[in-house]
Amino acid sequence: MRVSHPHSEVSIVQFNRLIQELLQGTLRRNTFQPWEVELLLDIEACALRESNRREVLRRYQKAANRDYQRGQTSLLKLSGYLERNREIASRRANGAAGDSELLLDE
């Protein structure tokens, strides 16, 4: 899941500013681009626990910046980032279980 926005240096700067505002706990403005509103609604819908919200947002920001540096033309939504992480964890767990089964069969 990704958010379409004009892919430019300005957009990634705006994205980082938005995430920094969230990490600091205050949105200092009252005007947002449509893609920013879409991201904010997605973040809210993810219902992060307060105890790990900051860490998840930092990791999400880092992943979105990596995608941008690799030439991605749209921003990854937090829900997409979390889903991608769940899939990776599931594959690792299944791979580890598969390895155990192989050892048991031998």
PDB file of N, CA and C in Angstrom:
ATOM      1  N   MET A   1       0.830  -1.165   0.000  1.00  0.00           N
ATOM      2  CA  MET A   1       0.000   0.000   0.000  1.00  0.00           C
ATOM      3  C   MET A   1       0.882   1.238   0.000  1.00  0.00           C
ATOM      4  N   ARG A   2       0.635   2.084  -0.955  1.00  0.00           N
ATOM      5  CA  ARG A   2       1.454   3.281  -1.102  1.00  0.00           C
ATOM      6  C   ARG A   2       0.576   4.498  -1.339  1.00  0.00           C
ATOM      7  N   VAL A   3       1.128   5.641  -1.052  1.00  0.00           N
ATOM      8  CA  VAL A   3       0.447   6.913  -1.250  1.00  0.00           C
ATOM      9  C   VAL A   3       1.093   7.615  -2.427  1.00  0.00           C
ATOM     10  N   SER A   4       0.283   8.034  -3.386  1.00  0.00           N
ATOM     11  CA  SER A   4       0.811   8.773  -4.529  1.00  0.00           C
ATOM     12  C   SER A   4       1.052  10.217  -4.125  1.00  0.00           C
ATOM     13  N   HIS A   5       2.161  10.723  -4.562  1.00  0.00           N
ATOM     14  CA  HIS A   5       2.492  12.119  -4.340  1.00  0.00           C
ATOM     15  C   HIS A   5       3.561  12.508  -5.343  1.00  0.00           C
ATOM     16  N   PRO A   6       3.739  13.793  -5.557  1.00  0.00           N
ATOM     17  CA  PRO A   6       4.807  14.216  -6.471  1.00  0.00           C
ATOM     18  C   PRO A   6       6.154  13.755  -5.925  1.00  0.00           C
ATOM     19  N   HIS A   7       6.837  12.939  -6.664  1.00  0.00           N
ATOM     20  CA  HIS A   7       8.110  12.382  -6.211  1.00  0.00           C
ATOM     21  C   HIS A   7       9.212  13.406  -6.434  1.00  0.00           C
ATOM     22  N   SER A   8       9.623  14.024  -5.352  1.00  0.00           N
ATOM     23  CA  SER A   8      10.680  15.019  -5.454  1.00  0.00           C
ATOM     24  C   SER A   8      11.367  15.131  -4.114  1.00  0.00           C
ATOM     25  N   GLU A   9      12.465  15.818  -4.103  1.00  0.00           N
ATOM     26  CA  GLU A   9      13.204  16.061  -2.862  1.00  0.00           C
ATOM     27  C   GLU A   9      12.320  16.782  -1.848  1.00  0.00           C
ATOM     28  N   VAL A  10      11.478  17.678  -2.338  1.00  0.00           N
ATOM     29  CA  VAL A  10      10.585  18.419  -1.452  1.00  0.00           C
ATOM     30  C   VAL A  10       9.628  17.466  -0.751  1.00  0.00           C
ATOM     31  N   SER A  11       9.105  16.481  -1.458  1.00  0.00           N
ATOM     32  CA  SER A  11       8.145  15.552  -0.872  1.00  0.00           C
ATOM     33  C   SER A  11       8.757  14.729   0.253  1.00  0.00           C
ATOM     34  N   ILE A  12       9.971  14.247   0.077  1.00  0.00           N
ATOM     35  CA  ILE A  12      10.584  13.445   1.132  1.00  0.00           C
ATOM     36  C   ILE A  12      10.910  14.332   2.323  1.00  0.00           C
ATOM     37  N   VAL A  13      11.238  15.580   2.067  1.00  0.00           N
ATOM     38  CA  VAL A  13      11.470  16.530   3.161  1.00  0.00           C
ATOM     39  C   VAL A  13      10.162  16.762   3.917  1.00  0.00           C
ATOM     40  N   GLN A  14       9.068  16.934   3.185  1.00  0.00           N
ATOM     41  CA  GLN A  14       7.758  17.116   3.818  1.00  0.00           C
ATOM     42  C   GLN A  14       7.359  15.872   4.614  1.00  0.00           C
ATOM     43  N   PHE A  15       7.613  14.701   4.055  1.00  0.00           N
ATOM     44  CA  PHE A  15       7.315  13.454   4.753  1.00  0.00           C
ATOM     45  C   PHE A  15       8.104  13.386   6.067  1.00  0.00           C
ATOM     46  N   ASN A  16       9.400  13.665   6.000  1.00  0.00           N
ATOM     47  CA  ASN A  16      10.237  13.602   7.203  1.00  0.00           C
ATOM     48  C   ASN A  16       9.791  14.636   8.239  1.00  0.00           C
ATOM     49  N   ARG A  17       9.380  15.809   7.771  1.00  0.00           N
ATOM     50  CA  ARG A  17       8.881  16.835   8.690  1.00  0.00           C
ATOM     51  C   ARG A  17       7.599  16.362   9.383  1.00  0.00           C
ATOM     52  N   LEU A  18       6.712  15.747   8.627  1.00  0.00           N
ATOM     53  CA  LEU A  18       5.464  15.232   9.188  1.00  0.00           C
ATOM     54  C   LEU A  18       5.742  14.162  10.246  1.00  0.00           C
ATOM     55  N   ILE A  19       6.626  13.233   9.942  1.00  0.00           N
ATOM     56  CA  ILE A  19       6.942  12.167  10.892  1.00  0.00           C
ATOM     57  C   ILE A  19       7.627  12.747  12.131  1.00  0.00           C
ATOM     58  N   GLN A  20       8.520  13.713  11.939  1.00  0.00           N
ATOM     59  CA  GLN A  20       9.179  14.349  13.084  1.00  0.00           C
ATOM     60  C   GLN A  20       8.161  15.029  13.992  1.00  0.00           C
ATOM     61  N   GLU A  21       7.182  15.687  13.400  1.00  0.00           N
ATOM     62  CA  GLU A  21       6.128  16.322  14.196  1.00  0.00           C
ATOM     63  C   GLU A  21       5.370  15.270  15.002  1.00  0.00           C
ATOM     64  N   LEU A  22       5.080  14.133  14.385  1.00  0.00           N
ATOM     65  CA  LEU A  22       4.387  13.061  15.096  1.00  0.00           C
ATOM     66  C   LEU A  22       5.253  12.505  16.227  1.00  0.00           C
ATOM     67  N   LEU A  23       6.532  12.347  15.968  1.00  0.00           N
ATOM     68  CA  LEU A  23       7.449  11.831  16.989  1.00  0.00           C
ATOM     69  C   LEU A  23       7.559  12.799  18.165  1.00  0.00           C
ATOM     70  N   GLN A  24       7.487  14.088  17.882  1.00  0.00           N
ATOM     71  CA  GLN A  24       7.555  15.087  18.946  1.00  0.00           C
ATOM     72  C   GLN A  24       6.220  15.242  19.672  1.00  0.00           C
ATOM     73  N   GLY A  25       5.175  14.675  19.090  1.00  0.00           N
ATOM     74  CA  GLY A  25       3.872  14.693  19.739  1.00  0.00           C
ATOM     75  C   GLY A  25       3.013  15.902  19.435  1.00  0.00           C
ATOM     76  N   THR A  26       3.444  16.751  18.515  1.00  0.00           N
ATOM     77  CA  THR A  26       2.642  17.926  18.170  1.00  0.00           C
ATOM     78  C   THR A  26       2.696  18.189  16.674  1.00  0.00           C
ATOM     79  N   LEU A  27       1.527  18.387  16.097  1.00  0.00           N
ATOM     80  CA  LEU A  27       1.456  18.835  14.711  1.00  0.00           C
ATOM     81  C   LEU A  27       1.358  20.351  14.776  1.00  0.00           C
ATOM     82  N   ARG A  28       2.332  21.041  14.259  1.00  0.00           N
ATOM     83  CA  ARG A  28       2.438  22.492  14.409  1.00  0.00           C
ATOM     84  C   ARG A  28       1.697  23.273  13.337  1.00  0.00           C
ATOM     85  N   ARG A  29       0.993  22.593  12.495  1.00  0.00           N
ATOM     86  CA  ARG A  29       0.309  23.286  11.404  1.00  0.00           C
ATOM     87  C   ARG A  29      -1.106  22.774  11.277  1.00  0.00           C
ATOM     88  N   ASN A  30      -1.897  23.464  10.510  1.00  0.00           N
ATOM     89  CA  ASN A  30      -3.283  23.047  10.312  1.00  0.00           C
ATOM     90  C   ASN A  30      -3.629  22.869   8.842  1.00  0.00           C
ATOM     91  N   THR A  31      -2.628  22.946   7.981  1.00  0.00           N
ATOM     92  CA  THR A  31      -2.822  22.748   6.546  1.00  0.00           C
ATOM     93  C   THR A  31      -1.931  21.604   6.091  1.00  0.00           C
ATOM     94  N   PHE A  32      -2.534  20.645   5.387  1.00  0.00           N
ATOM     95  CA  PHE A  32      -1.802  19.462   4.952  1.00  0.00           C
ATOM     96  C   PHE A  32      -2.104  19.175   3.487  1.00  0.00           C
ATOM     97  N   GLN A  33      -1.135  18.587   2.812  1.00  0.00           N
ATOM     98  CA  GLN A  33      -1.335  18.110   1.449  1.00  0.00           C
ATOM     99  C   GLN A  33      -2.239  16.868   1.523  1.00  0.00           C
ATOM    100  N   PRO A  34      -2.992  16.582   0.460  1.00  0.00           N
ATOM    101  CA  PRO A  34      -3.865  15.396   0.467  1.00  0.00           C
ATOM    102  C   PRO A  34      -3.118  14.099   0.817  1.00  0.00           C
ATOM    103  N   TRP A  35      -1.898  13.928   0.295  1.00  0.00           N
ATOM    104  CA  TRP A  35      -1.159  12.702   0.592  1.00  0.00           C
ATOM    105  C   TRP A  35      -0.740  12.647   2.060  1.00  0.00           C
ATOM    106  N   GLU A  36      -0.524  13.811   2.686  1.00  0.00           N
ATOM    107  CA  GLU A  36      -0.197  13.839   4.110  1.00  0.00           C
ATOM    108  C   GLU A  36      -1.404  13.414   4.946  1.00  0.00           C
ATOM    109  N   VAL A  37      -2.581  13.885   4.556  1.00  0.00           N
ATOM    110  CA  VAL A  37      -3.807  13.490   5.253  1.00  0.00           C
ATOM    111  C   VAL A  37      -4.005  11.989   5.127  1.00  0.00           C
ATOM    112  N   GLU A  38      -3.770  11.454   3.928  1.00  0.00           N
ATOM    113  CA  GLU A  38      -3.902  10.008   3.709  1.00  0.00           C
ATOM    114  C   GLU A  38      -2.942   9.236   4.611  1.00  0.00           C
ATOM    115  N   LEU A  39      -1.713   9.714   4.733  1.00  0.00           N
ATOM    116  CA  LEU A  39      -0.747   9.064   5.629  1.00  0.00           C
ATOM    117  C   LEU A  39      -1.177   9.161   7.085  1.00  0.00           C
ATOM    118  N   LEU A  40      -1.639  10.338   7.500  1.00  0.00           N
ATOM    119  CA  LEU A  40      -2.078  10.512   8.888  1.00  0.00           C
ATOM    120  C   LEU A  40      -3.255   9.603   9.226  1.00  0.00           C
ATOM    121  N   LEU A  41      -4.201   9.485   8.310  1.00  0.00           N
ATOM    122  CA  LEU A  41      -5.349   8.596   8.536  1.00  0.00           C
ATOM    123  C   LEU A  41      -4.906   7.141   8.615  1.00  0.00           C
ATOM    124  N   ASP A  42      -3.948   6.767   7.772  1.00  0.00           N
ATOM    125  CA  ASP A  42      -3.433   5.404   7.792  1.00  0.00           C
ATOM    126  C   ASP A  42      -2.710   5.122   9.114  1.00  0.00           C
ATOM    127  N   ILE A  43      -1.909   6.073   9.564  1.00  0.00           N
ATOM    128  CA  ILE A  43      -1.184   5.908  10.841  1.00  0.00           C
ATOM    129  C   ILE A  43      -2.184   5.753  11.976  1.00  0.00           C
ATOM    130  N   GLU A  44      -3.203   6.572  11.976  1.00  0.00           N
ATOM    131  CA  GLU A  44      -4.228   6.491  13.024  1.00  0.00           C
ATOM    132  C   GLU A  44      -4.956   5.145  12.978  1.00  0.00           C
ATOM    133  N   ALA A  45      -5.251   4.667  11.777  1.00  0.00           N
ATOM    134  CA  ALA A  45      -5.972   3.395  11.619  1.00  0.00           C
ATOM    135  C   ALA A  45      -5.147   2.205  12.102  1.00  0.00           C
ATOM    136  N   CYS A  46      -3.828   2.343  12.109  1.00  0.00           N
ATOM    137  CA  CYS A  46      -2.968   1.244  12.559  1.00  0.00           C
ATOM    138  C   CYS A  46      -3.037   1.034  14.071  1.00  0.00           C
ATOM    139  N   ALA A  47      -3.553   2.010  14.793  1.00  0.00           N
ATOM    140  CA  ALA A  47      -3.761   1.914  16.242  1.00  0.00           C
ATOM    141  C   ALA A  47      -2.532   1.358  16.965  1.00  0.00           C
ATOM    142  N   LEU A  48      -1.429   2.064  16.832  1.00  0.00           N
ATOM    143  CA  LEU A  48      -0.191   1.640  17.482  1.00  0.00           C
ATOM    144  C   LEU A  48      -0.305   1.792  18.994  1.00  0.00           C
ATOM    145  N   ARG A  49       0.281   0.847  19.709  1.00  0.00           N
ATOM    146  CA  ARG A  49       0.344   0.978  21.168  1.00  0.00           C
ATOM    147  C   ARG A  49       1.252   2.146  21.498  1.00  0.00           C
ATOM    148  N   GLU A  50       0.864   2.905  22.475  1.00  0.00           N
ATOM    149  CA  GLU A  50       1.651   4.078  22.874  1.00  0.00           C
ATOM    150  C   GLU A  50       3.066   3.684  23.276  1.00  0.00           C
ATOM    151  N   SER A  51       3.225   2.507  23.851  1.00  0.00           N
ATOM    152  CA  SER A  51       4.533   2.068  24.344  1.00  0.00           C
ATOM    153  C   SER A  51       5.572   1.886  23.240  1.00  0.00           C
ATOM    154  N   ASN A  52       5.134   1.541  22.033  1.00  0.00           N
ATOM    155  CA  ASN A  52       6.124   1.356  20.958  1.00  0.00           C
ATOM    156  C   ASN A  52       5.862   2.239  19.738  1.00  0.00           C
ATOM    157  N   ARG A  53       4.970   3.193  19.869  1.00  0.00           N
ATOM    158  CA  ARG A  53       4.603   4.076  18.758  1.00  0.00           C
ATOM    159  C   ARG A  53       5.815   4.815  18.186  1.00  0.00           C
ATOM    160  N   ARG A  54       6.612   5.433  19.049  1.00  0.00           N
ATOM    161  CA  ARG A  54       7.752   6.215  18.587  1.00  0.00           C
ATOM    162  C   ARG A  54       8.753   5.342  17.831  1.00  0.00           C
ATOM    163  N   GLU A  55       9.040   4.177  18.360  1.00  0.00           N
ATOM    164  CA  GLU A  55      10.013   3.287  17.706  1.00  0.00           C
ATOM    165  C   GLU A  55       9.491   2.798  16.355  1.00  0.00           C
ATOM    166  N   VAL A  56       8.222   2.449  16.295  1.00  0.00           N
ATOM    167  CA  VAL A  56       7.626   1.998  15.028  1.00  0.00           C
ATOM    168  C   VAL A  56       7.663   3.124  14.006  1.00  0.00           C
ATOM    169  N   LEU A  57       7.328   4.341  14.428  1.00  0.00           N
ATOM    170  CA  LEU A  57       7.353   5.476  13.501  1.00  0.00           C
ATOM    171  C   LEU A  57       8.770   5.769  13.019  1.00  0.00           C
ATOM    172  N   ARG A  58       9.756   5.645  13.903  1.00  0.00           N
ATOM    173  CA  ARG A  58      11.151   5.860  13.478  1.00  0.00           C
ATOM    174  C   ARG A  58      11.577   4.827  12.443  1.00  0.00           C
ATOM    175  N   ARG A  59      11.233   3.573  12.690  1.00  0.00           N
ATOM    176  CA  ARG A  59      11.587   2.503  11.740  1.00  0.00           C
ATOM    177  C   ARG A  59      10.864   2.683  10.415  1.00  0.00           C
ATOM    178  N   TYR A  60       9.603   3.074  10.491  1.00  0.00           N
ATOM    179  CA  TYR A  60       8.811   3.335   9.289  1.00  0.00           C
ATOM    180  C   TYR A  60       9.434   4.470   8.482  1.00  0.00           C
ATOM    181  N   GLN A  61       9.825   5.533   9.150  1.00  0.00           N
ATOM    182  CA  GLN A  61      10.459   6.662   8.480  1.00  0.00           C
ATOM    183  C   GLN A  61      11.746   6.225   7.791  1.00  0.00           C
ATOM    184  N   LYS A  62      12.526   5.428   8.466  1.00  0.00           N
ATOM    185  CA  LYS A  62      13.784   4.941   7.894  1.00  0.00           C
ATOM    186  C   LYS A  62      13.514   4.087   6.651  1.00  0.00           C
ATOM    187  N   ALA A  63      12.520   3.211   6.720  1.00  0.00           N
ATOM    188  CA  ALA A  63      12.170   2.355   5.581  1.00  0.00           C
ATOM    189  C   ALA A  63      11.656   3.182   4.408  1.00  0.00           C
ATOM    190  N   ALA A  64      10.831   4.185   4.686  1.00  0.00           N
ATOM    191  CA  ALA A  64      10.303   5.043   3.618  1.00  0.00           C
ATOM    192  C   ALA A  64      11.436   5.828   2.953  1.00  0.00           C
ATOM    193  N   ASN A  65      12.388   6.300   3.742  1.00  0.00           N
ATOM    194  CA  ASN A  65      13.540   7.020   3.183  1.00  0.00           C
ATOM    195  C   ASN A  65      14.410   6.093   2.337  1.00  0.00           C
ATOM    196  N   ARG A  66      14.581   4.852   2.778  1.00  0.00           N
ATOM    197  CA  ARG A  66      15.338   3.870   1.986  1.00  0.00           C
ATOM    198  C   ARG A  66      14.654   3.630   0.650  1.00  0.00           C
ATOM    199  N   ASP A  67      13.341   3.446   0.680  1.00  0.00           N
ATOM    200  CA  ASP A  67      12.581   3.250  -0.559  1.00  0.00           C
ATOM    201  C   ASP A  67      12.753   4.447  -1.486  1.00  0.00           C
ATOM    202  N   TYR A  68      12.690   5.645  -0.932  1.00  0.00           N
ATOM    203  CA  TYR A  68      12.854   6.860  -1.724  1.00  0.00           C
ATOM    204  C   TYR A  68      14.235   6.891  -2.381  1.00  0.00           C
ATOM    205  N   GLN A  69      15.264   6.564  -1.617  1.00  0.00           N
ATOM    206  CA  GLN A  69      16.630   6.564  -2.149  1.00  0.00           C
ATOM    207  C   GLN A  69      16.803   5.529  -3.251  1.00  0.00           C
ATOM    208  N   ARG A  70      16.012   4.473  -3.202  1.00  0.00           N
ATOM    209  CA  ARG A  70      16.069   3.430  -4.233  1.00  0.00           C
ATOM    210  C   ARG A  70      15.223   3.773  -5.450  1.00  0.00           C
ATOM    211  N   GLY A  71      14.597   4.964  -5.431  1.00  0.00           N
ATOM    212  CA  GLY A  71      13.850   5.409  -6.601  1.00  0.00           C
ATOM    213  C   GLY A  71      12.365   5.124  -6.582  1.00  0.00           C
ATOM    214  N   GLN A  72      11.824   4.714  -5.461  1.00  0.00           N
ATOM    215  CA  GLN A  72      10.389   4.453  -5.360  1.00  0.00           C
ATOM    216  C   GLN A  72       9.632   5.741  -5.666  1.00  0.00           C
ATOM    217  N   THR A  73       8.562   5.650  -6.440  1.00  0.00           N
ATOM    218  CA  THR A  73       7.837   6.846  -6.862  1.00  0.00           C
ATOM    219  C   THR A  73       6.635   7.178  -5.984  1.00  0.00           C
ATOM    220  N   SER A  74       6.382   6.392  -4.965  1.00  0.00           N
ATOM    221  CA  SER A  74       5.297   6.692  -4.043  1.00  0.00           C
ATOM    222  C   SER A  74       5.733   6.300  -2.635  1.00  0.00           C
ATOM    223  N   LEU A  75       5.105   6.922  -1.649  1.00  0.00           N
ATOM    224  CA  LEU A  75       5.467   6.654  -0.260  1.00  0.00           C
ATOM    225  C   LEU A  75       4.743   5.420   0.267  1.00  0.00           C
ATOM    226  N   LEU A  76       5.474   4.642   0.994  1.00  0.00           N
ATOM    227  CA  LEU A  76       4.926   3.472   1.663  1.00  0.00           C
ATOM    228  C   LEU A  76       4.043   3.934   2.813  1.00  0.00           C
ATOM    229  N   LYS A  77       2.835   3.382   2.909  1.00  0.00           N
ATOM    230  CA  LYS A  77       1.976   3.672   4.050  1.00  0.00           C
ATOM    231  C   LYS A  77       2.458   2.858   5.242  1.00  0.00           C
ATOM    232  N   LEU A  78       2.152   3.332   6.431  1.00  0.00           N
ATOM    233  CA  LEU A  78       2.521   2.593   7.633  1.00  0.00           C
ATOM    234  C   LEU A  78       1.876   1.212   7.626  1.00  0.00           C
ATOM    235  N   SER A  79       0.633   1.111   7.211  1.00  0.00           N
ATOM    236  CA  SER A  79      -0.040  -0.190   7.177  1.00  0.00           C
ATOM    237  C   SER A  79       0.687  -1.147   6.230  1.00  0.00           C
ATOM    238  N   GLY A  80       1.174  -0.643   5.110  1.00  0.00           N
ATOM    239  CA  GLY A  80       1.947  -1.467   4.176  1.00  0.00           C
ATOM    240  C   GLY A  80       3.268  -1.889   4.772  1.00  0.00           C
ATOM    241  N   TYR A  81       3.910  -0.971   5.484  1.00  0.00           N
ATOM    242  CA  TYR A  81       5.178  -1.275   6.156  1.00  0.00           C
ATOM    243  C   TYR A  81       4.978  -2.367   7.210  1.00  0.00           C
ATOM    244  N   LEU A  82       3.926  -2.242   8.014  1.00  0.00           N
ATOM    245  CA  LEU A  82       3.660  -3.241   9.049  1.00  0.00           C
ATOM    246  C   LEU A  82       3.328  -4.598   8.436  1.00  0.00           C
ATOM    247  N   GLU A  83       2.551  -4.588   7.356  1.00  0.00           N
ATOM    248  CA  GLU A  83       2.202  -5.839   6.668  1.00  0.00           C
ATOM    249  C   GLU A  83       3.452  -6.496   6.099  1.00  0.00           C
ATOM    250  N   ARG A  84       4.306  -5.699   5.483  1.00  0.00           N
ATOM    251  CA  ARG A  84       5.564  -6.218   4.932  1.00  0.00           C
ATOM    252  C   ARG A  84       6.405  -6.854   6.037  1.00  0.00           C
ATOM    253  N   ASN A  85       6.467  -6.213   7.205  1.00  0.00           N
ATOM    254  CA  ASN A  85       7.219  -6.770   8.336  1.00  0.00           C
ATOM    255  C   ASN A  85       6.609  -8.074   8.833  1.00  0.00           C
ATOM    256  N   ARG A  86       5.269  -8.138   8.869  1.00  0.00           N
ATOM    257  CA  ARG A  86       4.595  -9.380   9.294  1.00  0.00           C
ATOM    258  C   ARG A  86       4.896 -10.521   8.329  1.00  0.00           C
ATOM    259  N   GLU A  87       4.886 -10.212   7.030  1.00  0.00           N
ATOM    260  CA  GLU A  87       5.186 -11.238   6.022  1.00  0.00           C
ATOM    261  C   GLU A  87       6.618 -11.745   6.162  1.00  0.00           C
ATOM    262  N   ILE A  88       7.552 -10.835   6.383  1.00  0.00           N
ATOM    263  CA  ILE A  88       8.955 -11.226   6.555  1.00  0.00           C
ATOM    264  C   ILE A  88       9.099 -12.090   7.800  1.00  0.00           C
ATOM    265  N   ALA A  89       8.480 -11.691   8.891  1.00  0.00           N
ATOM    266  CA  ALA A  89       8.557 -12.463  10.133  1.00  0.00           C
ATOM    267  C   ALA A  89       7.923 -13.838   9.952  1.00  0.00           C
ATOM    268  N   SER A  90       6.823 -13.891   9.221  1.00  0.00           N
ATOM    269  CA  SER A  90       6.148 -15.159   8.969  1.00  0.00           C
ATOM    270  C   SER A  90       7.015 -16.088   8.128  1.00  0.00           C
ATOM    271  N   ARG A  91       7.650 -15.520   7.093  1.00  0.00           N
ATOM    272  CA  ARG A  91       8.540 -16.334   6.258  1.00  0.00           C
ATOM    273  C   ARG A  91       9.717 -16.858   7.065  1.00  0.00           C
ATOM    274  N   ARG A  92      10.255 -16.009   7.926  1.00  0.00           N
ATOM    275  CA  ARG A  92      11.375 -16.447   8.772  1.00  0.00           C
ATOM    276  C   ARG A  92      10.933 -17.552   9.712  1.00  0.00           C
ATOM    277  N   ALA A  93       9.758 -17.388  10.317  1.00  0.00           N
ATOM    278  CA  ALA A  93       9.245 -18.399  11.238  1.00  0.00           C
ATOM    279  C   ALA A  93       8.968 -19.705  10.499  1.00  0.00           C
ATOM    280  N   ASN A  94       8.377 -19.609   9.322  1.00  0.00           N
ATOM    281  CA  ASN A  94       8.103 -20.812   8.533  1.00  0.00           C
ATOM    282  C   ASN A  94       9.393 -21.452   8.048  1.00  0.00           C
ATOM    283  N   GLY A  95      10.358 -20.629   7.692  1.00  0.00           N
ATOM    284  CA  GLY A  95      11.647 -21.153   7.263  1.00  0.00           C
ATOM    285  C   GLY A  95      12.354 -21.856   8.404  1.00  0.00           C
ATOM    286  N   ALA A  96      12.313 -21.275   9.587  1.00  0.00           N
ATOM    287  CA  ALA A  96      12.937 -21.891  10.760  1.00  0.00           C
ATOM    288  C   ALA A  96      12.215 -23.176  11.115  1.00  0.00           C
ATOM    289  N   ALA A  97      10.886 -23.189  11.025  1.00  0.00           N
ATOM    290  CA  ALA A  97      10.129 -24.407  11.313  1.00  0.00           C
ATOM    291  C   ALA A  97      10.433 -25.465  10.266  1.00  0.00           C
ATOM    292  N   GLY A  98      10.551 -25.038   9.021  1.00  0.00           N
ATOM    293  CA  GLY A  98      10.882 -25.979   7.949  1.00  0.00           C
ATOM    294  C   GLY A  98      12.248 -26.615   8.167  1.00  0.00           C
ATOM    295  N   ASP A  99      13.211 -25.818   8.619  1.00  0.00           N
ATOM    296  CA  ASP A  99      14.540 -26.340   8.901  1.00  0.00           C
ATOM    297  C   ASP A  99      14.476 -27.370  10.018  1.00  0.00           C
ATOM    298  N   SER A 100      13.669 -27.114  11.037  1.00  0.00           N
ATOM    299  CA  SER A 100      13.543 -28.049  12.154  1.00  0.00           C
ATOM    300  C   SER A 100      12.926 -29.363  11.663  1.00  0.00           C
ATOM    301  N   GLU A 101      11.927 -29.254  10.796  1.00  0.00           N
ATOM    302  CA  GLU A 101      11.282 -30.457  10.289  1.00  0.00           C
ATOM    303  C   GLU A 101      12.272 -31.277   9.473  1.00  0.00           C
ATOM    304  N   LEU A 102      13.134 -30.615   8.706  1.00  0.00           N
ATOM    305  CA  LEU A 102      14.127 -31.325   7.929  1.00  0.00           C
ATOM    306  C   LEU A 102      15.075 -32.090   8.850  1.00  0.00           C
ATOM    307  N   LEU A 103      15.458 -31.453   9.929  1.00  0.00           N
ATOM    308  CA  LEU A 103      16.360 -32.116  10.871  1.00  0.00           C
ATOM    309  C   LEU A 103      15.685 -33.304  11.537  1.00  0.00           C
ATOM    310  N   LEU A 104      14.402 -33.177  11.819  1.00  0.00           N
ATOM    311  CA  LEU A 104      13.679 -34.262  12.458  1.00  0.00           C
ATOM    312  C   LEU A 104      13.485 -35.447  11.521  1.00  0.00           C
ATOM    313  N   ASP A 105      13.355 -35.181  10.225  1.00  0.00           N
ATOM    314  CA  ASP A 105      13.136 -36.243   9.253  1.00  0.00           C
ATOM    315  C   ASP A 105      14.394 -37.053   9.007  1.00  0.00           C
ATOM    316  N   GLU A 106      15.551 -36.485   9.233  1.00  0.00           N
ATOM    317  CA  GLU A 106      16.806 -37.177   8.907  1.00  0.00           C
ATOM    318  C   GLU A 106      17.156 -38.243   9.877  1.00  0.00           C
TER     319      GLU A 106
END
